Structures are given as structure tokens and as C-alpha cells.
């Protein structure tokens, strides 16, 4: 859960896990400010709530947070191995086809 405010606290937002907006409270006094100001403050509050949620999630995960660079390297290695395996399989099928054609 993350919480954030915009417009010096005139707008408050709350998001659940991964930033889904759960609640939005707009101080009635802000209604006189106009839609442009309200929109800016809503965006500010929601972004602050999302940042808060991400920070809390990262703190909760701590060392368990995934190392995306390591995952990318591992995915690259798996992809290369799969390519080599498919290449060998195609080569074996080609050789088998040639043997069958010779008969």
C-alpha cells in the first residue's frame, strides 16, 4: 500500500500493490482552483503514492529483490543454448533426410 499527496495536501491518493489506485480524496476547497490545477494535483498525489508503494515493496523484499541485469544475462545464455540446440536438431534432421533420400 502506498500513500501520496499533491497540492500541499489538498489531494490525497492511496494505491495498492503495483500502483493500482484505490482511493482519491480531493479537498472541497480545491474545487475553486479549476480543473487544470485539480488534474495536476491528482497526478502529483498518485505519482507520490506509487513511488511510496514501490519504496515500501523494495524495503519489504530487501535482498530478495530481483537483479534484473543478472536475469537478463541468464535469459541471454538460455536463449543462446536454445538456439544451439535447435541448430543441432535441424542439422540432425537434415542429415537424416539426406540418408533417407539416398535409399
Protein backbone atom coordinates (compact mmCIF):
# COMPACT_ATOMS: atom_id res chain seq x y z
CA UNK A 1 0.00 0.00 0.00
CA UNK A 2 1.32 3.45 -0.86
CA UNK A 3 0.13 6.90 0.04
CA UNK A 4 0.86 10.27 -1.50
CA UNK A 5 -0.33 13.85 -1.55
CA UNK A 6 -0.48 16.67 -4.06
CA UNK A 7 -1.21 20.37 -3.91
CA UNK A 8 0.23 20.75 -0.42
CA UNK A 9 -2.04 18.01 0.90
CA UNK A 10 -5.24 19.13 -0.81
CA UNK A 11 -5.32 15.87 -2.77
CA UNK A 12 -4.52 12.50 -1.22
CA UNK A 13 -4.15 9.23 -3.09
CA UNK A 14 -3.75 5.65 -1.98
CA UNK A 15 -2.59 2.82 -4.20
CA UNK A 16 -2.43 -0.92 -3.67
CA UNK A 17 0.32 -3.25 -4.75
CA UNK A 18 1.93 -2.30 -8.05
CA UNK A 19 0.26 1.11 -8.16
CA UNK A 20 -3.44 0.36 -8.60
CA UNK A 21 -5.38 3.45 -7.47
CA UNK A 22 -7.61 2.55 -4.51
CA UNK A 23 -8.76 5.92 -3.19
CA UNK A 24 -8.57 9.58 -4.05
CA UNK A 25 -9.61 12.40 -1.74
CA UNK A 26 -9.88 15.97 -3.00
CA UNK A 27 -10.31 18.78 -0.50
CA UNK A 28 -13.51 20.65 -1.42
CA UNK A 29 -11.70 23.99 -1.20
CA UNK A 30 -9.66 22.95 -4.22
CA UNK A 31 -12.74 22.91 -6.43
CA UNK A 32 -12.45 26.68 -6.84
CA UNK A 33 -8.92 26.27 -8.27
CA UNK A 34 -10.16 24.92 -11.60
CA UNK A 35 -9.82 21.65 -13.42
CA UNK A 36 -6.24 22.19 -14.60
CA UNK A 37 -4.95 22.66 -11.06
CA UNK A 38 -7.02 19.74 -9.78
CA UNK A 39 -5.67 17.47 -12.53
CA UNK A 40 -2.08 18.47 -11.77
CA UNK A 41 -2.54 17.83 -8.05
CA UNK A 42 -4.22 14.48 -8.68
CA UNK A 43 -1.33 13.37 -10.90
CA UNK A 44 1.14 14.60 -8.27
CA UNK A 45 -0.67 12.70 -5.49
CA UNK A 46 -1.00 9.46 -7.47
CA UNK A 47 2.64 9.52 -8.53
CA UNK A 48 3.73 10.14 -4.95
CA UNK A 49 1.58 7.22 -3.79
CA UNK A 50 3.04 4.96 -6.49
CA UNK A 51 6.58 5.98 -5.52
CA UNK A 52 5.75 5.28 -1.87
CA UNK A 53 4.36 1.84 -2.76
CA UNK A 54 7.47 0.96 -4.81
CA UNK A 55 9.74 2.09 -1.97
CA UNK A 56 7.81 0.06 0.59
CA UNK A 57 7.82 -3.00 -1.67
CA UNK A 58 11.58 -2.71 -2.24
CA UNK A 59 12.16 -2.40 1.51
CA UNK A 60 9.99 -5.43 2.16
CA UNK A 61 11.75 -7.51 -0.47
CA UNK A 62 15.18 -6.30 0.60
CA UNK A 63 17.81 -8.67 -0.72
CA UNK A 64 15.08 -10.74 -2.35
CA UNK A 65 14.54 -8.04 -4.98
CA UNK A 66 15.39 -9.46 -8.39
CA UNK A 67 18.64 -8.46 -10.04
CA UNK A 68 17.29 -7.58 -13.46
CA UNK A 69 20.74 -7.35 -15.03
CA UNK A 70 21.58 -10.88 -13.85
CA UNK A 71 18.21 -12.13 -15.06
CA UNK A 72 18.83 -10.56 -18.48
CA UNK A 73 22.26 -12.25 -18.70
CA UNK A 74 20.75 -15.57 -17.70
CA UNK A 75 17.97 -15.19 -20.27
CA UNK A 76 20.57 -14.41 -22.93
CA UNK A 77 22.51 -17.58 -22.04
CA UNK A 78 19.35 -19.70 -22.13
CA UNK A 79 18.41 -18.18 -25.47
CA UNK A 80 21.86 -18.94 -26.92
CA UNK A 81 21.73 -22.52 -25.62
CA UNK A 82 18.25 -23.00 -27.08
CA UNK A 83 19.44 -21.65 -30.43
CA UNK A 84 22.40 -24.03 -30.46
CA UNK A 85 20.08 -26.91 -29.54
CA UNK A 86 17.64 -26.06 -32.31
CA UNK A 87 20.53 -25.67 -34.74
CA UNK A 88 21.81 -29.17 -33.82
CA UNK A 89 18.31 -30.59 -34.14
CA UNK A 90 17.84 -29.05 -37.61
CA UNK A 91 21.26 -30.35 -38.65
CA UNK A 92 20.39 -33.86 -37.40
CA UNK A 93 17.04 -33.78 -39.22
CA UNK A 94 18.75 -32.59 -42.38
CA UNK A 95 21.29 -35.42 -42.15
CA UNK A 96 18.52 -37.97 -41.54
CA UNK A 97 16.57 -36.65 -44.52
CA UNK A 98 19.63 -36.95 -46.76
CA UNK A 99 20.20 -40.54 -45.60
CA UNK A 100 16.55 -41.40 -46.35
CA UNK A 101 16.77 -39.75 -49.80
CA UNK A 102 19.85 -41.89 -50.68
CA UNK A 103 17.97 -45.15 -50.14
